[in-house]
Amino acid sequence: MSDYTFITTEENFLLQEALKKNKQQLAKFGLIGAAVTLVVATIPQVYLYRHNSMGDADTSMLSYKNLWFWIWLLSFVLALIFSLIKLTDIRYWAIKKDLTALQKGTLEAPMEAVYVENNDSQTNIMVLQDQKKRLYYWMAGVLDGYKAGQSVKITYARYSRVIISINKL
Protein backbone atom coordinates (compact mmCIF):
# COMPACT_ATOMS: atom_id res chain seq x y z
CA MET A 1 0.00 0.00 0.00
CA SER A 2 1.14 3.50 -0.67
CA ASP A 3 1.99 6.09 1.91
CA TYR A 4 0.09 9.32 1.46
CA THR A 5 1.49 12.84 1.75
CA PHE A 6 -0.09 16.26 1.51
CA ILE A 7 -0.91 17.93 -1.81
CA THR A 8 0.95 21.14 -2.61
CA THR A 9 -0.74 24.36 -3.69
CA GLU A 10 0.12 23.81 -7.37
CA GLU A 11 -1.30 20.28 -7.25
CA ASN A 12 -4.43 21.66 -5.59
CA PHE A 13 -4.92 24.00 -8.57
CA LEU A 14 -4.55 21.03 -10.96
CA LEU A 15 -7.29 19.18 -9.08
CA GLN A 16 -9.52 22.26 -9.12
CA GLU A 17 -9.11 22.45 -12.90
CA ALA A 18 -10.05 18.77 -13.20
CA LEU A 19 -13.07 19.42 -10.97
CA LYS A 20 -14.13 22.30 -13.22
CA LYS A 21 -13.98 20.05 -16.31
CA ASN A 22 -16.01 17.36 -14.53
CA LYS A 23 -18.59 19.95 -13.44
CA GLN A 24 -18.96 21.04 -17.09
CA GLN A 25 -19.55 17.41 -18.10
CA LEU A 26 -22.20 17.03 -15.39
CA ALA A 27 -23.94 20.21 -16.56
CA LYS A 28 -23.91 18.91 -20.13
CA PHE A 29 -25.49 15.64 -18.99
CA GLY A 30 -28.13 17.59 -17.05
CA LEU A 31 -29.00 19.53 -20.21
CA ILE A 32 -29.21 16.27 -22.17
CA GLY A 33 -31.59 14.92 -19.51
CA ALA A 34 -33.75 18.06 -19.67
CA ALA A 35 -33.89 17.87 -23.47
CA VAL A 36 -34.85 14.18 -23.39
CA THR A 37 -37.54 14.93 -20.80
CA LEU A 38 -38.97 17.72 -22.93
CA VAL A 39 -39.03 15.61 -26.10
CA VAL A 40 -40.37 12.44 -24.47
CA ALA A 41 -43.03 14.35 -22.53
CA THR A 42 -44.22 16.35 -25.57
CA ILE A 43 -44.36 13.91 -28.49
CA PRO A 44 -46.80 11.39 -26.92
CA GLN A 45 -49.12 14.22 -25.86
CA VAL A 46 -49.27 15.65 -29.38
CA TYR A 47 -50.01 12.22 -30.84
CA LEU A 48 -52.59 11.28 -28.19
CA TYR A 49 -54.61 14.46 -28.31
CA ARG A 50 -54.63 14.61 -32.14
CA HIS A 51 -55.68 11.00 -32.76
CA ASN A 52 -57.99 10.27 -29.80
CA SER A 53 -60.92 11.88 -28.09
CA MET A 54 -60.19 14.05 -25.05
CA GLY A 55 -61.49 11.41 -22.60
CA ASP A 56 -59.51 8.57 -24.17
CA ALA A 57 -56.34 10.66 -24.29
CA ASP A 58 -56.70 11.69 -20.64
CA THR A 59 -57.01 8.05 -19.48
CA SER A 60 -54.08 6.80 -21.57
CA MET A 61 -50.90 5.53 -19.92
CA LEU A 62 -48.94 8.11 -21.95
CA SER A 63 -51.03 11.07 -20.86
CA TYR A 64 -49.32 13.86 -18.94
CA LYS A 65 -52.18 13.51 -16.40
CA ASN A 66 -51.07 9.99 -15.50
CA LEU A 67 -48.71 9.86 -12.48
CA TRP A 68 -47.08 6.63 -13.68
CA PHE A 69 -46.06 8.32 -16.93
CA TRP A 70 -44.05 10.91 -14.97
CA ILE A 71 -42.54 8.31 -12.66
CA TRP A 72 -41.43 6.23 -15.66
CA LEU A 73 -40.12 9.27 -17.53
CA LEU A 74 -38.11 10.70 -14.62
CA SER A 75 -36.72 7.25 -13.76
CA PHE A 76 -35.63 6.81 -17.37
CA VAL A 77 -33.95 10.23 -17.47
CA LEU A 78 -32.14 9.66 -14.16
CA ALA A 79 -30.93 6.26 -15.37
CA LEU A 80 -29.74 7.88 -18.60
CA ILE A 81 -27.82 10.59 -16.75
CA PHE A 82 -26.17 8.14 -14.35
CA SER A 83 -25.25 5.78 -17.17
CA LEU A 84 -23.62 8.68 -19.03
CA ILE A 85 -21.70 9.54 -15.86
CA LYS A 86 -20.56 5.92 -15.50
CA LEU A 87 -19.65 5.49 -19.17
CA THR A 88 -17.58 8.67 -19.34
CA ASP A 89 -16.03 8.02 -15.95
CA ILE A 90 -16.80 11.35 -14.29
CA ARG A 91 -14.64 11.74 -11.18
CA TYR A 92 -16.49 14.78 -9.73
CA TRP A 93 -17.33 13.44 -6.25
CA ALA A 94 -13.97 11.73 -5.78
CA ILE A 95 -12.12 14.91 -6.77
CA LYS A 96 -14.21 16.92 -4.28
CA LYS A 97 -13.19 14.38 -1.61
CA ASP A 98 -9.53 14.79 -2.65
CA LEU A 99 -9.79 18.57 -2.35
CA THR A 100 -11.01 18.07 1.22
CA ALA A 101 -8.50 15.39 2.26
CA LEU A 102 -5.55 16.92 0.34
CA GLN A 103 -3.64 13.62 0.18
CA LYS A 104 -1.56 12.23 -2.66
CA GLY A 105 0.16 8.93 -3.29
CA THR A 106 3.12 7.83 -5.38
CA LEU A 107 3.70 4.58 -7.21
CA GLU A 108 6.20 3.09 -9.61
CA ALA A 109 4.92 0.41 -11.95
CA PRO A 110 4.71 -0.63 -15.60
CA MET A 111 1.65 0.53 -17.50
CA GLU A 112 -0.72 -2.24 -18.60
CA ALA A 113 -2.75 -0.08 -21.01
CA VAL A 114 -3.01 3.55 -22.12
CA TYR A 115 -6.06 4.95 -23.89
CA VAL A 116 -7.71 8.30 -24.56
CA GLU A 117 -11.40 9.06 -23.99
CA ASN A 118 -13.91 11.92 -23.58
CA ASN A 119 -13.14 13.51 -26.96
CA ASP A 120 -9.36 13.46 -26.37
CA SER A 121 -9.72 15.38 -23.11
CA GLN A 122 -8.59 12.58 -20.78
CA THR A 123 -5.97 9.81 -20.91
CA ASN A 124 -6.55 6.70 -18.82
CA ILE A 125 -3.64 4.56 -17.65
CA MET A 126 -4.10 1.07 -16.26
CA VAL A 127 -1.41 -0.09 -13.83
CA LEU A 128 -0.96 -3.42 -12.04
CA GLN A 129 -0.67 -2.49 -8.38
CA ASP A 130 -0.81 -4.91 -5.44
CA GLN A 131 -2.09 -7.75 -7.68
CA LYS A 132 -4.97 -5.55 -8.88
CA LYS A 133 -5.33 -3.56 -12.05
CA ARG A 134 -6.09 0.06 -11.20
CA LEU A 135 -7.07 2.88 -13.50
CA TYR A 136 -5.48 6.32 -13.17
CA TYR A 137 -6.67 9.44 -14.98
CA TRP A 138 -4.66 12.18 -16.70
CA MET A 139 -7.22 14.98 -17.01
CA ALA A 140 -5.15 17.40 -19.13
CA GLY A 141 -5.88 15.85 -22.55
CA VAL A 142 -3.82 13.41 -24.57
CA LEU A 143 -0.65 12.16 -22.90
CA ASP A 144 1.78 11.66 -25.78
CA GLY A 145 4.77 9.33 -25.70
CA TYR A 146 3.46 6.90 -23.11
CA LYS A 147 2.81 3.33 -24.23
CA ALA A 148 1.81 0.08 -22.53
CA GLY A 149 4.77 -1.75 -21.00
CA GLN A 150 6.73 1.38 -20.05
CA SER A 151 7.55 1.84 -16.38
CA VAL A 152 6.38 5.11 -14.88
CA LYS A 153 6.39 6.99 -11.61
CA ILE A 154 2.93 8.42 -10.94
CA THR A 155 1.91 10.95 -8.31
CA TYR A 156 -1.87 10.86 -7.94
CA ALA A 157 -4.70 12.20 -5.81
CA ARG A 158 -5.68 9.56 -3.26
CA TYR A 159 -9.42 9.06 -3.82
CA SER A 160 -10.01 10.05 -7.43
CA ARG A 161 -6.72 8.59 -8.75
CA VAL A 162 -6.30 11.70 -10.90
CA ILE A 163 -2.65 11.88 -11.98
CA ILE A 164 -0.92 14.98 -10.68
CA SER A 165 2.43 14.16 -12.29
CA ILE A 166 3.83 11.30 -14.34
CA ASN A 167 7.43 10.51 -15.33
CA LYS A 168 9.00 7.70 -17.30
CA LEU A 169 11.56 5.58 -15.43
C-alpha atoms as a PDB file:
ATOM      1  CA  MET A   1       0.000   0.000   0.000  1.00  0.00           C
ATOM      2  CA  SER A   2       1.143   3.499  -0.667  1.00  0.00           C
ATOM      3  CA  ASP A   3       1.994   6.090   1.913  1.00  0.00           C
ATOM      4  CA  TYR A   4       0.093   9.319   1.455  1.00  0.00           C
ATOM      5  CA  THR A   5       1.493  12.839   1.751  1.00  0.00           C
ATOM      6  CA  PHE A   6      -0.094  16.262   1.510  1.00  0.00           C
ATOM      7  CA  ILE A   7      -0.912  17.929  -1.810  1.00  0.00           C
ATOM      8  CA  THR A   8       0.954  21.143  -2.613  1.00  0.00           C
ATOM      9  CA  THR A   9      -0.745  24.363  -3.689  1.00  0.00           C
ATOM     10  CA  GLU A  10       0.118  23.808  -7.374  1.00  0.00           C
ATOM     11  CA  GLU A  11      -1.303  20.283  -7.249  1.00  0.00           C
ATOM     12  CA  ASN A  12      -4.435  21.664  -5.595  1.00  0.00           C
ATOM     13  CA  PHE A  13      -4.921  23.997  -8.575  1.00  0.00           C
ATOM     14  CA  LEU A  14      -4.549  21.031 -10.965  1.00  0.00           C
ATOM     15  CA  LEU A  15      -7.286  19.180  -9.080  1.00  0.00           C
ATOM     16  CA  GLN A  16      -9.520  22.260  -9.115  1.00  0.00           C
ATOM     17  CA  GLU A  17      -9.105  22.452 -12.904  1.00  0.00           C
ATOM     18  CA  ALA A  18     -10.051  18.766 -13.201  1.00  0.00           C
ATOM     19  CA  LEU A  19     -13.073  19.425 -10.973  1.00  0.00           C
ATOM     20  CA  LYS A  20     -14.126  22.301 -13.224  1.00  0.00           C
ATOM     21  CA  LYS A  21     -13.977  20.048 -16.309  1.00  0.00           C
ATOM     22  CA  ASN A  22     -16.008  17.363 -14.535  1.00  0.00           C
ATOM     23  CA  LYS A  23     -18.589  19.955 -13.443  1.00  0.00           C
ATOM     24  CA  GLN A  24     -18.961  21.035 -17.087  1.00  0.00           C
ATOM     25  CA  GLN A  25     -19.547  17.406 -18.098  1.00  0.00           C
ATOM     26  CA  LEU A  26     -22.203  17.031 -15.391  1.00  0.00           C
ATOM     27  CA  ALA A  27     -23.939  20.213 -16.561  1.00  0.00           C
ATOM     28  CA  LYS A  28     -23.908  18.914 -20.127  1.00  0.00           C
ATOM     29  CA  PHE A  29     -25.490  15.638 -18.993  1.00  0.00           C
ATOM     30  CA  GLY A  30     -28.134  17.591 -17.049  1.00  0.00           C
ATOM     31  CA  LEU A  31     -28.999  19.531 -20.206  1.00  0.00           C
ATOM     32  CA  ILE A  32     -29.212  16.272 -22.166  1.00  0.00           C
ATOM     33  CA  GLY A  33     -31.589  14.922 -19.510  1.00  0.00           C
ATOM     34  CA  ALA A  34     -33.751  18.055 -19.668  1.00  0.00           C
ATOM     35  CA  ALA A  35     -33.893  17.874 -23.471  1.00  0.00           C
ATOM     36  CA  VAL A  36     -34.849  14.180 -23.394  1.00  0.00           C
ATOM     37  CA  THR A  37     -37.538  14.929 -20.801  1.00  0.00           C
ATOM     38  CA  LEU A  38     -38.970  17.717 -22.933  1.00  0.00           C
ATOM     39  CA  VAL A  39     -39.035  15.608 -26.103  1.00  0.00           C
ATOM     40  CA  VAL A  40     -40.370  12.437 -24.470  1.00  0.00           C
ATOM     41  CA  ALA A  41     -43.027  14.354 -22.531  1.00  0.00           C
ATOM     42  CA  THR A  42     -44.218  16.350 -25.566  1.00  0.00           C
ATOM     43  CA  ILE A  43     -44.356  13.908 -28.488  1.00  0.00           C
ATOM     44  CA  PRO A  44     -46.802  11.389 -26.922  1.00  0.00           C
ATOM     45  CA  GLN A  45     -49.122  14.225 -25.860  1.00  0.00           C
ATOM     46  CA  VAL A  46     -49.273  15.652 -29.376  1.00  0.00           C
ATOM     47  CA  TYR A  47     -50.010  12.216 -30.838  1.00  0.00           C
ATOM     48  CA  LEU A  48     -52.589  11.280 -28.186  1.00  0.00           C
ATOM     49  CA  TYR A  49     -54.606  14.464 -28.314  1.00  0.00           C
ATOM     50  CA  ARG A  50     -54.626  14.612 -32.139  1.00  0.00           C
ATOM     51  CA  HIS A  51     -55.678  11.000 -32.755  1.00  0.00           C
ATOM     52  CA  ASN A  52     -57.988  10.267 -29.801  1.00  0.00           C
ATOM     53  CA  SER A  53     -60.924  11.882 -28.091  1.00  0.00           C
ATOM     54  CA  MET A  54     -60.191  14.046 -25.047  1.00  0.00           C
ATOM     55  CA  GLY A  55     -61.492  11.410 -22.597  1.00  0.00           C
ATOM     56  CA  ASP A  56     -59.510   8.571 -24.170  1.00  0.00           C
ATOM     57  CA  ALA A  57     -56.341  10.663 -24.290  1.00  0.00           C
ATOM     58  CA  ASP A  58     -56.697  11.689 -20.639  1.00  0.00           C
ATOM     59  CA  THR A  59     -57.005   8.050 -19.480  1.00  0.00           C
ATOM     60  CA  SER A  60     -54.079   6.804 -21.574  1.00  0.00           C
ATOM     61  CA  MET A  61     -50.896   5.534 -19.917  1.00  0.00           C
ATOM     62  CA  LEU A  62     -48.938   8.106 -21.954  1.00  0.00           C
ATOM     63  CA  SER A  63     -51.028  11.072 -20.860  1.00  0.00           C
ATOM     64  CA  TYR A  64     -49.323  13.857 -18.935  1.00  0.00           C
ATOM     65  CA  LYS A  65     -52.177  13.512 -16.400  1.00  0.00           C
ATOM     66  CA  ASN A  66     -51.071   9.989 -15.501  1.00  0.00           C
ATOM     67  CA  LEU A  67     -48.708   9.861 -12.485  1.00  0.00           C
ATOM     68  CA  TRP A  68     -47.084   6.630 -13.683  1.00  0.00           C
ATOM     69  CA  PHE A  69     -46.057   8.320 -16.930  1.00  0.00           C
ATOM     70  CA  TRP A  70     -44.054  10.908 -14.972  1.00  0.00           C
ATOM     71  CA  ILE A  71     -42.541   8.310 -12.661  1.00  0.00           C
ATOM     72  CA  TRP A  72     -41.429   6.232 -15.656  1.00  0.00           C
ATOM     73  CA  LEU A  73     -40.120   9.271 -17.533  1.00  0.00           C
ATOM     74  CA  LEU A  74     -38.115  10.698 -14.624  1.00  0.00           C
ATOM     75  CA  SER A  75     -36.722   7.250 -13.758  1.00  0.00           C
ATOM     76  CA  PHE A  76     -35.629   6.811 -17.366  1.00  0.00           C
ATOM     77  CA  VAL A  77     -33.952  10.229 -17.475  1.00  0.00           C
ATOM     78  CA  LEU A  78     -32.138   9.664 -14.161  1.00  0.00           C
ATOM     79  CA  ALA A  79     -30.933   6.259 -15.366  1.00  0.00           C
ATOM     80  CA  LEU A  80     -29.742   7.884 -18.596  1.00  0.00           C
ATOM     81  CA  ILE A  81     -27.815  10.594 -16.755  1.00  0.00           C
ATOM     82  CA  PHE A  82     -26.171   8.144 -14.347  1.00  0.00           C
ATOM     83  CA  SER A  83     -25.253   5.779 -17.173  1.00  0.00           C
ATOM     84  CA  LEU A  84     -23.619   8.685 -19.025  1.00  0.00           C
ATOM     85  CA  ILE A  85     -21.696   9.536 -15.864  1.00  0.00           C
ATOM     86  CA  LYS A  86     -20.556   5.920 -15.499  1.00  0.00           C
ATOM     87  CA  LEU A  87     -19.655   5.493 -19.166  1.00  0.00           C
ATOM     88  CA  THR A  88     -17.585   8.670 -19.344  1.00  0.00           C
ATOM     89  CA  ASP A  89     -16.029   8.024 -15.946  1.00  0.00           C
ATOM     90  CA  ILE A  90     -16.801  11.352 -14.293  1.00  0.00           C
ATOM     91  CA  ARG A  91     -14.635  11.735 -11.182  1.00  0.00           C
ATOM     92  CA  TYR A  92     -16.487  14.777  -9.726  1.00  0.00           C
ATOM     93  CA  TRP A  93     -17.334  13.438  -6.246  1.00  0.00           C
ATOM     94  CA  ALA A  94     -13.971  11.726  -5.776  1.00  0.00           C
ATOM     95  CA  ILE A  95     -12.115  14.915  -6.772  1.00  0.00           C
ATOM     96  CA  LYS A  96     -14.207  16.916  -4.278  1.00  0.00           C
ATOM     97  CA  LYS A  97     -13.188  14.384  -1.610  1.00  0.00           C
ATOM     98  CA  ASP A  98      -9.534  14.785  -2.655  1.00  0.00           C
ATOM     99  CA  LEU A  99      -9.789  18.566  -2.355  1.00  0.00           C
ATOM    100  CA  THR A 100     -11.014  18.065   1.218  1.00  0.00           C
ATOM    101  CA  ALA A 101      -8.504  15.387   2.260  1.00  0.00           C
ATOM    102  CA  LEU A 102      -5.549  16.917   0.344  1.00  0.00           C
ATOM    103  CA  GLN A 103      -3.637  13.617   0.175  1.00  0.00           C
ATOM    104  CA  LYS A 104      -1.561  12.228  -2.661  1.00  0.00           C
ATOM    105  CA  GLY A 105       0.163   8.932  -3.286  1.00  0.00           C
ATOM    106  CA  THR A 106       3.120   7.833  -5.381  1.00  0.00           C
ATOM    107  CA  LEU A 107       3.700   4.584  -7.210  1.00  0.00           C
ATOM    108  CA  GLU A 108       6.204   3.090  -9.613  1.00  0.00           C
ATOM    109  CA  ALA A 109       4.923   0.405 -11.946  1.00  0.00           C
ATOM    110  CA  PRO A 110       4.714  -0.633 -15.602  1.00  0.00           C
ATOM    111  CA  MET A 111       1.655   0.527 -17.498  1.00  0.00           C
ATOM    112  CA  GLU A 112      -0.720  -2.237 -18.604  1.00  0.00           C
ATOM    113  CA  ALA A 113      -2.751  -0.076 -21.006  1.00  0.00           C
ATOM    114  CA  VAL A 114      -3.006   3.550 -22.123  1.00  0.00           C
ATOM    115  CA  TYR A 115      -6.059   4.949 -23.887  1.00  0.00           C
ATOM    116  CA  VAL A 116      -7.707   8.302 -24.564  1.00  0.00           C
ATOM    117  CA  GLU A 117     -11.401   9.065 -23.989  1.00  0.00           C
ATOM    118  CA  ASN A 118     -13.906  11.919 -23.577  1.00  0.00           C
ATOM    119  CA  ASN A 119     -13.135  13.511 -26.956  1.00  0.00           C
ATOM    120  CA  ASP A 120      -9.362  13.461 -26.374  1.00  0.00           C
ATOM    121  CA  SER A 121      -9.716  15.385 -23.110  1.00  0.00           C
ATOM    122  CA  GLN A 122      -8.590  12.578 -20.783  1.00  0.00           C
ATOM    123  CA  THR A 123      -5.966   9.810 -20.907  1.00  0.00           C
ATOM    124  CA  ASN A 124      -6.551   6.695 -18.821  1.00  0.00           C
ATOM    125  CA  ILE A 125      -3.644   4.560 -17.650  1.00  0.00           C
ATOM    126  CA  MET A 126      -4.097   1.074 -16.256  1.00  0.00           C
ATOM    127  CA  VAL A 127      -1.406  -0.090 -13.827  1.00  0.00           C
ATOM    128  CA  LEU A 128      -0.963  -3.418 -12.044  1.00  0.00           C
ATOM    129  CA  GLN A 129      -0.666  -2.487  -8.376  1.00  0.00           C
ATOM    130  CA  ASP A 130      -0.813  -4.910  -5.435  1.00  0.00           C
ATOM    131  CA  GLN A 131      -2.088  -7.754  -7.682  1.00  0.00           C
ATOM    132  CA  LYS A 132      -4.967  -5.548  -8.884  1.00  0.00           C
ATOM    133  CA  LYS A 133      -5.335  -3.560 -12.051  1.00  0.00           C
ATOM    134  CA  ARG A 134      -6.088   0.057 -11.202  1.00  0.00           C
ATOM    135  CA  LEU A 135      -7.071   2.875 -13.498  1.00  0.00           C
ATOM    136  CA  TYR A 136      -5.481   6.323 -13.167  1.00  0.00           C
ATOM    137  CA  TYR A 137      -6.673   9.442 -14.976  1.00  0.00           C
ATOM    138  CA  TRP A 138      -4.662  12.177 -16.699  1.00  0.00           C
ATOM    139  CA  MET A 139      -7.221  14.984 -17.008  1.00  0.00           C
ATOM    140  CA  ALA A 140      -5.154  17.395 -19.129  1.00  0.00           C
ATOM    141  CA  GLY A 141      -5.876  15.855 -22.546  1.00  0.00           C
ATOM    142  CA  VAL A 142      -3.821  13.408 -24.574  1.00  0.00           C
ATOM    143  CA  LEU A 143      -0.647  12.158 -22.898  1.00  0.00           C
ATOM    144  CA  ASP A 144       1.782  11.664 -25.781  1.00  0.00           C
ATOM    145  CA  GLY A 145       4.774   9.334 -25.698  1.00  0.00           C
ATOM    146  CA  TYR A 146       3.459   6.898 -23.110  1.00  0.00           C
ATOM    147  CA  LYS A 147       2.811   3.329 -24.231  1.00  0.00           C
ATOM    148  CA  ALA A 148       1.806   0.080 -22.534  1.00  0.00           C
ATOM    149  CA  GLY A 149       4.770  -1.747 -21.002  1.00  0.00           C
ATOM    150  CA  GLN A 150       6.725   1.376 -20.050  1.00  0.00           C
ATOM    151  CA  SER A 151       7.552   1.836 -16.380  1.00  0.00           C
ATOM    152  CA  VAL A 152       6.378   5.110 -14.881  1.00  0.00           C
ATOM    153  CA  LYS A 153       6.391   6.987 -11.613  1.00  0.00           C
ATOM    154  CA  ILE A 154       2.934   8.418 -10.942  1.00  0.00           C
ATOM    155  CA  THR A 155       1.906  10.950  -8.314  1.00  0.00           C
ATOM    156  CA  TYR A 156      -1.875  10.859  -7.943  1.00  0.00           C
ATOM    157  CA  ALA A 157      -4.700  12.199  -5.807  1.00  0.00           C
ATOM    158  CA  ARG A 158      -5.684   9.557  -3.263  1.00  0.00           C
ATOM    159  CA  TYR A 159      -9.416   9.058  -3.823  1.00  0.00           C
ATOM    160  CA  SER A 160     -10.013  10.051  -7.431  1.00  0.00           C
ATOM    161  CA  ARG A 161      -6.721   8.593  -8.747  1.00  0.00           C
ATOM    162  CA  VAL A 162      -6.299  11.699 -10.899  1.00  0.00           C
ATOM    163  CA  ILE A 163      -2.652  11.881 -11.980  1.00  0.00           C
ATOM    164  CA  ILE A 164      -0.917  14.975 -10.677  1.00  0.00           C
ATOM    165  CA  SER A 165       2.433  14.160 -12.289  1.00  0.00           C
ATOM    166  CA  ILE A 166       3.834  11.302 -14.339  1.00  0.00           C
ATOM    167  CA  ASN A 167       7.426  10.513 -15.335  1.00  0.00           C
ATOM    168  CA  LYS A 168       9.000   7.696 -17.303  1.00  0.00           C
ATOM    169  CA  LEU A 169      11.563   5.577 -15.428  1.00  0.00           C
END
